Amino acid sequence: MATGSKKVIYAALVGNALIAITKFIAASITGSSAMLSEGIHSLVDTGNQVLLLNGLKRAQKPPDKNFPFGYGKEIYFWSFIVAILIFALGAGISIYEGILHLRHPEPVTTPYINYIVIGFALVFEGFAWYFAFKEFIKSKGKWSYITAVQRAKDPSIFVVLFEDSAALIGLVVAFLGIFLGQVTGIVYFDGAASVVIGLILAGTATWLAYETKGLLIGESANESIVVGIREIASKYEKVEHVNEVLTLHMGPDFILVNISLDFVDESCSDEVEVTIEDLDKQIKKNYSQVKRVFVEAEARKSSSIE
């Protein structure tokens, strides 16, 4: 998880930092509101990469007495913070700048500088997007793209992919706003483009927040893992019925499992202990993400949670 995620984040960090600098220079020379919004967007994205790297680092901290299951959820927390920053800073400032320029429009000077910057930005962003997309393809398997995002347990990759996708769309909008303003002489296009960029960022942030919320508050393992664990447990001779299989992601690579089993009435304590010990080994052998397994011996019962 960490290696692939870090490569994606580092690529995005370098690209966004370089792009932010060039966009701000272009915005200061030309006075373009759309280019200023794009500069703010890239600056926010650069800060977001730093936060994600911090989240990955903190998630690797070993368990201690205060956090006995480790710090894996740190990456979920910082991914959620990234979504908030995209919405509050990226979208908020872009929309504010756009409305300001719509109320007090000014013509964009030397627009060709903006075109050059947008061209370079498309190359850098395109590279970062392609890198993130390749890692996302590796992790998604046979799932559809939307399903892969919904079921992904490492948000850092799809957060970067979402950011880069929004950045590419924003660059196209910025180009259209500047170009239409130049060819038509209507100065409102530039400010309108800035508002549209802000709305794109707001939509991206909302989706990111929604997808990371479940992971942050406690999302179960994917259904295939839950079903597989149930099948493993049900094969034991001393297990009469599997009552519940409850799972919880404590991090992208840390699944906590709690199983409620109804053992055969004639089973002695030694047989139950041997079964539990072997069950623990088999589950961890089949699913490397499972780090802790807790087994409860209970009478058969029905439950809506599987």
Foldseek 3Di string as FASTA:
>chain_A
DLVLLLVLLVLLLVLLVVLLVLLVVLCVVFVFLLSPLLSQLSVLSNVLSVLLNVLSVQQPDAADPVRNQGQQCSNLVSLLVSLVSLQCRNLVVLQVSLVVCLVVPDATPPCVSVVVSLVVSLVSLVVSLVSLVVSLVVQQPPDDSVVSLLQQQRLSSVSSNLSSVLSNVLSVLQVVLNVCCVVVVPRSSRSVSSNVSSVSSNVSSVVSNVSSVCLNVWHFHDPVLQVVLLVLLVPDPQFPHWAAWTWTDSHNLEIEIETETATDPPDDPVNVVVSVVVSVVVSCVVRVSYDYYHYHHDHHDHDPHD
